[in-house]
Amino acid sequence: MIVTCVTVYVKKEFIAEFIEATLENHKNSIKEEGNLRFDVLQCNTDETRFFLYEAYLTEEASAAHKKTAHYLKWRDTVANWMAQPREGVAHSVIAPLKKDLWK
């Protein structure tokens, strides 16, 4: 399983539009083969800070996400709304193990 954690800082005047575009990306991403989670979080103490938690069964499924029409649309739509470049960090999952996901 591969998890990517993405931190995004959005310009204050674009928060509502960013949320709308990101929810659309979320709705399509959770339908992807190999997707386990696609969480969209907003910081409680900084409304301009968002955190995307993306979990896929395989690195291939994670890479395929970045080629989908909905991701490319999201990426291009929100690019100018960001206060700074987004930071995505891939992680290998230690727990739960894959076998534990189907219990």
PDB file of N, CA and C in Angstrom:
ATOM      1  N   MET A   1       0.847  -1.177   0.000  1.00  0.00           N
ATOM      2  CA  MET A   1       0.000   0.000   0.000  1.00  0.00           C
ATOM      3  C   MET A   1       0.893   1.240   0.000  1.00  0.00           C
ATOM      4  N   ILE A   2       0.477   2.234  -0.747  1.00  0.00           N
ATOM      5  CA  ILE A   2       1.208   3.499  -0.824  1.00  0.00           C
ATOM      6  C   ILE A   2       0.284   4.636  -0.406  1.00  0.00           C
ATOM      7  N   VAL A   3       0.783   5.507   0.433  1.00  0.00           N
ATOM      8  CA  VAL A   3       0.019   6.665   0.896  1.00  0.00           C
ATOM      9  C   VAL A   3       0.801   7.915   0.524  1.00  0.00           C
ATOM     10  N   THR A   4       0.100   8.867  -0.060  1.00  0.00           N
ATOM     11  CA  THR A   4       0.702  10.162  -0.338  1.00  0.00           C
ATOM     12  C   THR A   4      -0.021  11.205   0.496  1.00  0.00           C
ATOM     13  N   CYS A   5       0.739  11.998   1.219  1.00  0.00           N
ATOM     14  CA  CYS A   5       0.203  13.078   2.039  1.00  0.00           C
ATOM     15  C   CYS A   5       0.578  14.392   1.359  1.00  0.00           C
ATOM     16  N   VAL A   6      -0.430  15.166   1.024  1.00  0.00           N
ATOM     17  CA  VAL A   6      -0.211  16.398   0.273  1.00  0.00           C
ATOM     18  C   VAL A   6      -0.656  17.583   1.120  1.00  0.00           C
ATOM     19  N   THR A   7       0.236  18.521   1.348  1.00  0.00           N
ATOM     20  CA  THR A   7      -0.091  19.756   2.047  1.00  0.00           C
ATOM     21  C   THR A   7      -0.240  20.860   1.017  1.00  0.00           C
ATOM     22  N   VAL A   8      -1.358  21.591   1.125  1.00  0.00           N
ATOM     23  CA  VAL A   8      -1.643  22.667   0.178  1.00  0.00           C
ATOM     24  C   VAL A   8      -2.013  23.916   0.963  1.00  0.00           C
ATOM     25  N   TYR A   9      -1.361  25.025   0.650  1.00  0.00           N
ATOM     26  CA  TYR A   9      -1.725  26.328   1.199  1.00  0.00           C
ATOM     27  C   TYR A   9      -2.427  27.106   0.088  1.00  0.00           C
ATOM     28  N   VAL A  10      -3.649  27.539   0.360  1.00  0.00           N
ATOM     29  CA  VAL A  10      -4.493  28.194  -0.633  1.00  0.00           C
ATOM     30  C   VAL A  10      -4.615  29.678  -0.297  1.00  0.00           C
ATOM     31  N   LYS A  11      -4.579  30.503  -1.334  1.00  0.00           N
ATOM     32  CA  LYS A  11      -4.824  31.927  -1.129  1.00  0.00           C
ATOM     33  C   LYS A  11      -6.228  32.103  -0.561  1.00  0.00           C
ATOM     34  N   LYS A  12      -6.337  32.946   0.452  1.00  0.00           N
ATOM     35  CA  LYS A  12      -7.585  33.089   1.207  1.00  0.00           C
ATOM     36  C   LYS A  12      -8.797  33.342   0.310  1.00  0.00           C
ATOM     37  N   GLU A  13      -8.636  34.143  -0.721  1.00  0.00           N
ATOM     38  CA  GLU A  13      -9.762  34.498  -1.574  1.00  0.00           C
ATOM     39  C   GLU A  13     -10.247  33.341  -2.459  1.00  0.00           C
ATOM     40  N   PHE A  14      -9.502  32.231  -2.474  1.00  0.00           N
ATOM     41  CA  PHE A  14      -9.874  31.088  -3.315  1.00  0.00           C
ATOM     42  C   PHE A  14     -10.263  29.854  -2.509  1.00  0.00           C
ATOM     43  N   ILE A  15     -10.418  29.980  -1.203  1.00  0.00           N
ATOM     44  CA  ILE A  15     -10.716  28.817  -0.363  1.00  0.00           C
ATOM     45  C   ILE A  15     -11.981  28.089  -0.823  1.00  0.00           C
ATOM     46  N   ALA A  16     -13.078  28.788  -1.019  1.00  0.00           N
ATOM     47  CA  ALA A  16     -14.345  28.142  -1.393  1.00  0.00           C
ATOM     48  C   ALA A  16     -14.209  27.419  -2.734  1.00  0.00           C
ATOM     49  N   GLU A  17     -13.577  28.063  -3.706  1.00  0.00           N
ATOM     50  CA  GLU A  17     -13.392  27.443  -5.012  1.00  0.00           C
ATOM     51  C   GLU A  17     -12.472  26.228  -4.922  1.00  0.00           C
ATOM     52  N   PHE A  18     -11.432  26.341  -4.095  1.00  0.00           N
ATOM     53  CA  PHE A  18     -10.518  25.215  -3.915  1.00  0.00           C
ATOM     54  C   PHE A  18     -11.258  24.022  -3.328  1.00  0.00           C
ATOM     55  N   ILE A  19     -12.062  24.264  -2.315  1.00  0.00           N
ATOM     56  CA  ILE A  19     -12.824  23.167  -1.697  1.00  0.00           C
ATOM     57  C   ILE A  19     -13.737  22.523  -2.731  1.00  0.00           C
ATOM     58  N   GLU A  20     -14.446  23.315  -3.502  1.00  0.00           N
ATOM     59  CA  GLU A  20     -15.355  22.770  -4.509  1.00  0.00           C
ATOM     60  C   GLU A  20     -14.608  21.906  -5.525  1.00  0.00           C
ATOM     61  N   ALA A  21     -13.501  22.410  -6.048  1.00  0.00           N
ATOM     62  CA  ALA A  21     -12.721  21.654  -7.028  1.00  0.00           C
ATOM     63  C   ALA A  21     -12.122  20.387  -6.416  1.00  0.00           C
ATOM     64  N   THR A  22     -11.680  20.479  -5.178  1.00  0.00           N
ATOM     65  CA  THR A  22     -11.058  19.333  -4.517  1.00  0.00           C
ATOM     66  C   THR A  22     -12.082  18.267  -4.173  1.00  0.00           C
ATOM     67  N   LEU A  23     -13.285  18.660  -3.803  1.00  0.00           N
ATOM     68  CA  LEU A  23     -14.335  17.679  -3.546  1.00  0.00           C
ATOM     69  C   LEU A  23     -14.718  16.936  -4.822  1.00  0.00           C
ATOM     70  N   GLU A  24     -14.716  17.619  -5.946  1.00  0.00           N
ATOM     71  CA  GLU A  24     -14.980  16.965  -7.227  1.00  0.00           C
ATOM     72  C   GLU A  24     -13.881  15.940  -7.529  1.00  0.00           C
ATOM     73  N   ASN A  25     -12.626  16.307  -7.299  1.00  0.00           N
ATOM     74  CA  ASN A  25     -11.516  15.376  -7.475  1.00  0.00           C
ATOM     75  C   ASN A  25     -11.665  14.186  -6.525  1.00  0.00           C
ATOM     76  N   HIS A  26     -12.036  14.457  -5.290  1.00  0.00           N
ATOM     77  CA  HIS A  26     -12.253  13.398  -4.290  1.00  0.00           C
ATOM     78  C   HIS A  26     -13.308  12.407  -4.758  1.00  0.00           C
ATOM     79  N   LYS A  27     -14.459  12.918  -5.212  1.00  0.00           N
ATOM     80  CA  LYS A  27     -15.575  12.046  -5.628  1.00  0.00           C
ATOM     81  C   LYS A  27     -15.170  11.093  -6.740  1.00  0.00           C
ATOM     82  N   ASN A  28     -14.331  11.568  -7.648  1.00  0.00           N
ATOM     83  CA  ASN A  28     -13.867  10.709  -8.739  1.00  0.00           C
ATOM     84  C   ASN A  28     -12.713   9.811  -8.320  1.00  0.00           C
ATOM     85  N   SER A  29     -11.851  10.304  -7.452  1.00  0.00           N
ATOM     86  CA  SER A  29     -10.687   9.528  -7.026  1.00  0.00           C
ATOM     87  C   SER A  29     -11.093   8.285  -6.246  1.00  0.00           C
ATOM     88  N   ILE A  30     -12.122   8.382  -5.412  1.00  0.00           N
ATOM     89  CA  ILE A  30     -12.519   7.220  -4.612  1.00  0.00           C
ATOM     90  C   ILE A  30     -13.152   6.124  -5.473  1.00  0.00           C
ATOM     91  N   LYS A  31     -13.456   6.423  -6.721  1.00  0.00           N
ATOM     92  CA  LYS A  31     -13.990   5.420  -7.654  1.00  0.00           C
ATOM     93  C   LYS A  31     -12.880   4.694  -8.412  1.00  0.00           C
ATOM     94  N   GLU A  32     -11.651   5.154  -8.291  1.00  0.00           N
ATOM     95  CA  GLU A  32     -10.540   4.567  -9.029  1.00  0.00           C
ATOM     96  C   GLU A  32     -10.214   3.170  -8.513  1.00  0.00           C
ATOM     97  N   GLU A  33      -9.835   2.306  -9.445  1.00  0.00           N
ATOM     98  CA  GLU A  33      -9.388   0.975  -9.053  1.00  0.00           C
ATOM     99  C   GLU A  33      -8.118   1.113  -8.223  1.00  0.00           C
ATOM    100  N   GLY A  34      -8.080   0.445  -7.092  1.00  0.00           N
ATOM    101  CA  GLY A  34      -6.908   0.490  -6.224  1.00  0.00           C
ATOM    102  C   GLY A  34      -6.927   1.599  -5.192  1.00  0.00           C
ATOM    103  N   ASN A  35      -7.941   2.476  -5.244  1.00  0.00           N
ATOM    104  CA  ASN A  35      -8.014   3.544  -4.247  1.00  0.00           C
ATOM    105  C   ASN A  35      -8.624   2.999  -2.964  1.00  0.00           C
ATOM    106  N   LEU A  36      -7.981   3.283  -1.850  1.00  0.00           N
ATOM    107  CA  LEU A  36      -8.488   2.878  -0.534  1.00  0.00           C
ATOM    108  C   LEU A  36      -9.069   4.059   0.234  1.00  0.00           C
ATOM    109  N   ARG A  37      -8.457   5.225   0.075  1.00  0.00           N
ATOM    110  CA  ARG A  37      -8.914   6.442   0.768  1.00  0.00           C
ATOM    111  C   ARG A  37      -8.474   7.645  -0.042  1.00  0.00           C
ATOM    112  N   PHE A  38      -9.271   8.681   0.062  1.00  0.00           N
ATOM    113  CA  PHE A  38      -8.885   9.975  -0.483  1.00  0.00           C
ATOM    114  C   PHE A  38      -9.551  11.012   0.413  1.00  0.00           C
ATOM    115  N   ASP A  39      -8.871  11.374   1.475  1.00  0.00           N
ATOM    116  CA  ASP A  39      -9.427  12.284   2.481  1.00  0.00           C
ATOM    117  C   ASP A  39      -8.991  13.711   2.189  1.00  0.00           C
ATOM    118  N   VAL A  40      -9.919  14.636   2.398  1.00  0.00           N
ATOM    119  CA  VAL A  40      -9.653  16.062   2.226  1.00  0.00           C
ATOM    120  C   VAL A  40      -9.859  16.718   3.584  1.00  0.00           C
ATOM    121  N   LEU A  41      -8.812  17.322   4.125  1.00  0.00           N
ATOM    122  CA  LEU A  41      -8.889  17.927   5.450  1.00  0.00           C
ATOM    123  C   LEU A  41      -8.494  19.397   5.377  1.00  0.00           C
ATOM    124  N   GLN A  42      -9.127  20.200   6.236  1.00  0.00           N
ATOM    125  CA  GLN A  42      -8.795  21.616   6.357  1.00  0.00           C
ATOM    126  C   GLN A  42      -8.336  21.864   7.781  1.00  0.00           C
ATOM    127  N   CYS A  43      -7.245  22.557   7.947  1.00  0.00           N
ATOM    128  CA  CYS A  43      -6.664  22.832   9.261  1.00  0.00           C
ATOM    129  C   CYS A  43      -7.623  23.663  10.114  1.00  0.00           C
ATOM    130  N   ASN A  44      -7.758  23.316  11.381  1.00  0.00           N
ATOM    131  CA  ASN A  44      -8.631  24.053  12.308  1.00  0.00           C
ATOM    132  C   ASN A  44      -8.069  25.412  12.693  1.00  0.00           C
ATOM    133  N   THR A  45      -6.762  25.567  12.647  1.00  0.00           N
ATOM    134  CA  THR A  45      -6.152  26.821  13.100  1.00  0.00           C
ATOM    135  C   THR A  45      -5.658  27.703  11.953  1.00  0.00           C
ATOM    136  N   ASP A  46      -5.719  27.187  10.732  1.00  0.00           N
ATOM    137  CA  ASP A  46      -5.300  27.959   9.557  1.00  0.00           C
ATOM    138  C   ASP A  46      -6.187  27.535   8.394  1.00  0.00           C
ATOM    139  N   GLU A  47      -7.219  28.309   8.110  1.00  0.00           N
ATOM    140  CA  GLU A  47      -8.202  27.931   7.097  1.00  0.00           C
ATOM    141  C   GLU A  47      -7.617  27.836   5.692  1.00  0.00           C
ATOM    142  N   THR A  48      -6.423  28.352   5.483  1.00  0.00           N
ATOM    143  CA  THR A  48      -5.796  28.298   4.164  1.00  0.00           C
ATOM    144  C   THR A  48      -4.964  27.028   3.956  1.00  0.00           C
ATOM    145  N   ARG A  49      -4.834  26.223   5.011  1.00  0.00           N
ATOM    146  CA  ARG A  49      -4.001  25.017   4.945  1.00  0.00           C
ATOM    147  C   ARG A  49      -4.885  23.779   4.818  1.00  0.00           C
ATOM    148  N   PHE A  50      -4.576  22.982   3.793  1.00  0.00           N
ATOM    149  CA  PHE A  50      -5.322  21.750   3.535  1.00  0.00           C
ATOM    150  C   PHE A  50      -4.355  20.576   3.511  1.00  0.00           C
ATOM    151  N   PHE A  51      -4.909  19.401   3.782  1.00  0.00           N
ATOM    152  CA  PHE A  51      -4.121  18.180   3.798  1.00  0.00           C
ATOM    153  C   PHE A  51      -4.919  17.115   3.053  1.00  0.00           C
ATOM    154  N   LEU A  52      -4.314  16.535   2.025  1.00  0.00           N
ATOM    155  CA  LEU A  52      -4.948  15.462   1.272  1.00  0.00           C
ATOM    156  C   LEU A  52      -4.242  14.163   1.627  1.00  0.00           C
ATOM    157  N   TYR A  53      -5.014  13.170   2.023  1.00  0.00           N
ATOM    158  CA  TYR A  53      -4.482  11.863   2.402  1.00  0.00           C
ATOM    159  C   TYR A  53      -4.983  10.864   1.368  1.00  0.00           C
ATOM    160  N   GLU A  54      -4.059  10.366   0.541  1.00  0.00           N
ATOM    161  CA  GLU A  54      -4.413   9.497  -0.573  1.00  0.00           C
ATOM    162  C   GLU A  54      -3.785   8.125  -0.364  1.00  0.00           C
ATOM    163  N   ALA A  55      -4.604   7.085  -0.287  1.00  0.00           N
ATOM    164  CA  ALA A  55      -4.092   5.730  -0.077  1.00  0.00           C
ATOM    165  C   ALA A  55      -4.503   4.843  -1.247  1.00  0.00           C
ATOM    166  N   TYR A  56      -3.521   4.158  -1.809  1.00  0.00           N
ATOM    167  CA  TYR A  56      -3.745   3.245  -2.932  1.00  0.00           C
ATOM    168  C   TYR A  56      -3.123   1.893  -2.618  1.00  0.00           C
ATOM    169  N   LEU A  57      -3.700   0.840  -3.187  1.00  0.00           N
ATOM    170  CA  LEU A  57      -3.189  -0.501  -2.944  1.00  0.00           C
ATOM    171  C   LEU A  57      -1.765  -0.681  -3.452  1.00  0.00           C
ATOM    172  N   THR A  58      -1.464  -0.066  -4.587  1.00  0.00           N
ATOM    173  CA  THR A  58      -0.143  -0.260  -5.200  1.00  0.00           C
ATOM    174  C   THR A  58       0.417   1.071  -5.679  1.00  0.00           C
ATOM    175  N   GLU A  59       1.712   1.091  -5.913  1.00  0.00           N
ATOM    176  CA  GLU A  59       2.346   2.272  -6.493  1.00  0.00           C
ATOM    177  C   GLU A  59       1.805   2.546  -7.893  1.00  0.00           C
ATOM    178  N   GLU A  60       1.475   1.468  -8.625  1.00  0.00           N
ATOM    179  CA  GLU A  60       0.923   1.619  -9.964  1.00  0.00           C
ATOM    180  C   GLU A  60      -0.437   2.320  -9.928  1.00  0.00           C
ATOM    181  N   ALA A  61      -1.278   1.953  -8.968  1.00  0.00           N
ATOM    182  CA  ALA A  61      -2.593   2.605  -8.835  1.00  0.00           C
ATOM    183  C   ALA A  61      -2.419   4.068  -8.449  1.00  0.00           C
ATOM    184  N   SER A  62      -1.464   4.354  -7.588  1.00  0.00           N
ATOM    185  CA  SER A  62      -1.184   5.733  -7.203  1.00  0.00           C
ATOM    186  C   SER A  62      -0.702   6.540  -8.407  1.00  0.00           C
ATOM    187  N   ALA A  63       0.182   5.961  -9.196  1.00  0.00           N
ATOM    188  CA  ALA A  63       0.691   6.643 -10.390  1.00  0.00           C
ATOM    189  C   ALA A  63      -0.414   6.837 -11.421  1.00  0.00           C
ATOM    190  N   ALA A  64      -1.310   5.863 -11.551  1.00  0.00           N
ATOM    191  CA  ALA A  64      -2.413   5.966 -12.515  1.00  0.00           C
ATOM    192  C   ALA A  64      -3.340   7.129 -12.153  1.00  0.00           C
ATOM    193  N   HIS A  65      -3.490   7.389 -10.861  1.00  0.00           N
ATOM    194  CA  HIS A  65      -4.328   8.511 -10.412  1.00  0.00           C
ATOM    195  C   HIS A  65      -3.866   9.823 -11.043  1.00  0.00           C
ATOM    196  N   LYS A  66      -2.578  10.004 -11.134  1.00  0.00           N
ATOM    197  CA  LYS A  66      -2.022  11.263 -11.655  1.00  0.00           C
ATOM    198  C   LYS A  66      -2.184  11.409 -13.166  1.00  0.00           C
ATOM    199  N   LYS A  67      -2.736  10.388 -13.821  1.00  0.00           N
ATOM    200  CA  LYS A  67      -3.001  10.439 -15.264  1.00  0.00           C
ATOM    201  C   LYS A  67      -4.489  10.559 -15.571  1.00  0.00           C
ATOM    202  N   THR A  68      -5.336  10.551 -14.544  1.00  0.00           N
ATOM    203  CA  THR A  68      -6.778  10.603 -14.780  1.00  0.00           C
ATOM    204  C   THR A  68      -7.211  12.005 -15.187  1.00  0.00           C
ATOM    205  N   ALA A  69      -8.306  12.069 -15.926  1.00  0.00           N
ATOM    206  CA  ALA A  69      -8.838  13.364 -16.375  1.00  0.00           C
ATOM    207  C   ALA A  69      -9.233  14.237 -15.192  1.00  0.00           C
ATOM    208  N   HIS A  70      -9.829  13.631 -14.146  1.00  0.00           N
ATOM    209  CA  HIS A  70     -10.272  14.452 -13.013  1.00  0.00           C
ATOM    210  C   HIS A  70      -9.100  15.017 -12.227  1.00  0.00           C
ATOM    211  N   TYR A  71      -8.011  14.248 -12.081  1.00  0.00           N
ATOM    212  CA  TYR A  71      -6.837  14.787 -11.397  1.00  0.00           C
ATOM    213  C   TYR A  71      -6.216  15.916 -12.205  1.00  0.00           C
ATOM    214  N   LEU A  72      -6.029  15.701 -13.508  1.00  0.00           N
ATOM    215  CA  LEU A  72      -5.416  16.728 -14.362  1.00  0.00           C
ATOM    216  C   LEU A  72      -6.253  18.005 -14.368  1.00  0.00           C
ATOM    217  N   LYS A  73      -7.575  17.856 -14.389  1.00  0.00           N
ATOM    218  CA  LYS A  73      -8.458  19.025 -14.316  1.00  0.00           C
ATOM    219  C   LYS A  73      -8.257  19.742 -12.986  1.00  0.00           C
ATOM    220  N   TRP A  74      -8.230  18.987 -11.879  1.00  0.00           N
ATOM    221  CA  TRP A  74      -8.030  19.587 -10.555  1.00  0.00           C
ATOM    222  C   TRP A  74      -6.694  20.323 -10.512  1.00  0.00           C
ATOM    223  N   ARG A  75      -5.639  19.645 -10.927  1.00  0.00           N
ATOM    224  CA  ARG A  75      -4.287  20.232 -10.887  1.00  0.00           C
ATOM    225  C   ARG A  75      -4.231  21.567 -11.627  1.00  0.00           C
ATOM    226  N   ASP A  76      -4.797  21.583 -12.820  1.00  0.00           N
ATOM    227  CA  ASP A  76      -4.751  22.807 -13.624  1.00  0.00           C
ATOM    228  C   ASP A  76      -5.675  23.886 -13.065  1.00  0.00           C
ATOM    229  N   THR A  77      -6.816  23.484 -12.525  1.00  0.00           N
ATOM    230  CA  THR A  77      -7.791  24.449 -11.987  1.00  0.00           C
ATOM    231  C   THR A  77      -7.251  25.157 -10.755  1.00  0.00           C
ATOM    232  N   VAL A  78      -6.632  24.432  -9.850  1.00  0.00           N
ATOM    233  CA  VAL A  78      -6.235  25.004  -8.562  1.00  0.00           C
ATOM    234  C   VAL A  78      -4.832  25.610  -8.556  1.00  0.00           C
ATOM    235  N   ALA A  79      -4.086  25.435  -9.617  1.00  0.00           N
ATOM    236  CA  ALA A  79      -2.678  25.851  -9.631  1.00  0.00           C
ATOM    237  C   ALA A  79      -2.475  27.308  -9.214  1.00  0.00           C
ATOM    238  N   ASN A  80      -3.255  28.216  -9.740  1.00  0.00           N
ATOM    239  CA  ASN A  80      -3.078  29.635  -9.423  1.00  0.00           C
ATOM    240  C   ASN A  80      -3.708  30.046  -8.098  1.00  0.00           C
ATOM    241  N   TRP A  81      -4.423  29.150  -7.473  1.00  0.00           N
ATOM    242  CA  TRP A  81      -5.055  29.445  -6.188  1.00  0.00           C
ATOM    243  C   TRP A  81      -4.130  29.146  -5.011  1.00  0.00           C
ATOM    244  N   MET A  82      -3.018  28.496  -5.270  1.00  0.00           N
ATOM    245  CA  MET A  82      -2.111  28.087  -4.201  1.00  0.00           C
ATOM    246  C   MET A  82      -1.197  29.236  -3.810  1.00  0.00           C
ATOM    247  N   ALA A  83      -1.012  29.396  -2.510  1.00  0.00           N
ATOM    248  CA  ALA A  83      -0.128  30.429  -1.985  1.00  0.00           C
ATOM    249  C   ALA A  83       1.338  30.033  -2.154  1.00  0.00           C
ATOM    250  N   GLN A  84       1.588  28.733  -2.275  1.00  0.00           N
ATOM    251  CA  GLN A  84       2.918  28.195  -2.497  1.00  0.00           C
ATOM    252  C   GLN A  84       2.740  26.831  -3.144  1.00  0.00           C
ATOM    253  N   PRO A  85       3.779  26.284  -3.766  1.00  0.00           N
ATOM    254  CA  PRO A  85       3.630  24.965  -4.394  1.00  0.00           C
ATOM    255  C   PRO A  85       3.208  23.908  -3.375  1.00  0.00           C
ATOM    256  N   ARG A  86       2.304  23.027  -3.812  1.00  0.00           N
ATOM    257  CA  ARG A  86       1.868  21.955  -2.906  1.00  0.00           C
ATOM    258  C   ARG A  86       3.025  20.999  -2.655  1.00  0.00           C
ATOM    259  N   GLU A  87       2.979  20.331  -1.508  1.00  0.00           N
ATOM    260  CA  GLU A  87       4.028  19.382  -1.148  1.00  0.00           C
ATOM    261  C   GLU A  87       3.403  18.019  -0.950  1.00  0.00           C
ATOM    262  N   GLY A  88       3.754  17.089  -1.828  1.00  0.00           N
ATOM    263  CA  GLY A  88       3.268  15.716  -1.705  1.00  0.00           C
ATOM    264  C   GLY A  88       4.406  14.804  -1.312  1.00  0.00           C
ATOM    265  N   VAL A  89       4.184  14.013  -0.287  1.00  0.00           N
ATOM    266  CA  VAL A  89       5.210  13.097   0.199  1.00  0.00           C
ATOM    267  C   VAL A  89       4.629  11.690   0.212  1.00  0.00           C
ATOM    268  N   ALA A  90       5.261  10.776  -0.523  1.00  0.00           N
ATOM    269  CA  ALA A  90       4.817   9.387  -0.563  1.00  0.00           C
ATOM    270  C   ALA A  90       5.369   8.636   0.645  1.00  0.00           C
ATOM    271  N   HIS A  91       4.545   7.736   1.155  1.00  0.00           N
ATOM    272  CA  HIS A  91       4.918   6.919   2.311  1.00  0.00           C
ATOM    273  C   HIS A  91       4.600   5.455   2.020  1.00  0.00           C
ATOM    274  N   SER A  92       5.428   4.560   2.532  1.00  0.00           N
ATOM    275  CA  SER A  92       5.115   3.139   2.532  1.00  0.00           C
ATOM    276  C   SER A  92       4.428   2.819   3.852  1.00  0.00           C
ATOM    277  N   VAL A  93       3.397   2.035   3.786  1.00  0.00           N
ATOM    278  CA  VAL A  93       2.605   1.735   4.974  1.00  0.00           C
ATOM    279  C   VAL A  93       3.202   0.553   5.726  1.00  0.00           C
ATOM    280  N   ILE A  94       3.368   0.720   7.012  1.00  0.00           N
ATOM    281  CA  ILE A  94       3.854  -0.352   7.874  1.00  0.00           C
ATOM    282  C   ILE A  94       2.668  -1.087   8.498  1.00  0.00           C
ATOM    283  N   ALA A  95       1.672  -0.349   8.936  1.00  0.00           N
ATOM    284  CA  ALA A  95       0.459  -0.945   9.491  1.00  0.00           C
ATOM    285  C   ALA A  95      -0.711  -0.034   9.148  1.00  0.00           C
ATOM    286  N   PRO A  96      -1.847  -0.536   8.780  1.00  0.00           N
ATOM    287  CA  PRO A  96      -2.172  -1.960   8.723  1.00  0.00           C
ATOM    288  C   PRO A  96      -1.556  -2.631   7.504  1.00  0.00           C
ATOM    289  N   LEU A  97      -1.307  -3.915   7.638  1.00  0.00           N
ATOM    290  CA  LEU A  97      -0.807  -4.705   6.522  1.00  0.00           C
ATOM    291  C   LEU A  97      -1.941  -4.947   5.540  1.00  0.00           C
ATOM    292  N   LYS A  98      -1.606  -5.209   4.287  1.00  0.00           N
ATOM    293  CA  LYS A  98      -2.627  -5.457   3.276  1.00  0.00           C
ATOM    294  C   LYS A  98      -3.614  -6.524   3.717  1.00  0.00           C
ATOM    295  N   LYS A  99      -3.119  -7.597   4.308  1.00  0.00           N
ATOM    296  CA  LYS A  99      -4.005  -8.689   4.714  1.00  0.00           C
ATOM    297  C   LYS A  99      -5.008  -8.212   5.764  1.00  0.00           C
ATOM    298  N   ASP A 100      -4.647  -7.186   6.546  1.00  0.00           N
ATOM    299  CA  ASP A 100      -5.540  -6.669   7.574  1.00  0.00           C
ATOM    300  C   ASP A 100      -6.671  -5.814   7.006  1.00  0.00           C
ATOM    301  N   LEU A 101      -6.515  -5.345   5.782  1.00  0.00           N
ATOM    302  CA  LEU A 101      -7.521  -4.465   5.195  1.00  0.00           C
ATOM    303  C   LEU A 101      -8.822  -5.189   4.883  1.00  0.00           C
ATOM    304  N   TRP A 102      -8.760  -6.494   4.709  1.00  0.00           N
ATOM    305  CA  TRP A 102      -9.956  -7.239   4.328  1.00  0.00           C
ATOM    306  C   TRP A 102     -10.552  -8.042   5.474  1.00  0.00           C
ATOM    307  N   LYS A 103     -10.183  -7.754   6.674  1.00  0.00           N
ATOM    308  CA  LYS A 103     -10.741  -8.461   7.847  1.00  0.00           C
ATOM    309  C   LYS A 103     -12.067  -7.881   8.207  1.00  0.00           C
TER     310      LYS A 103
END
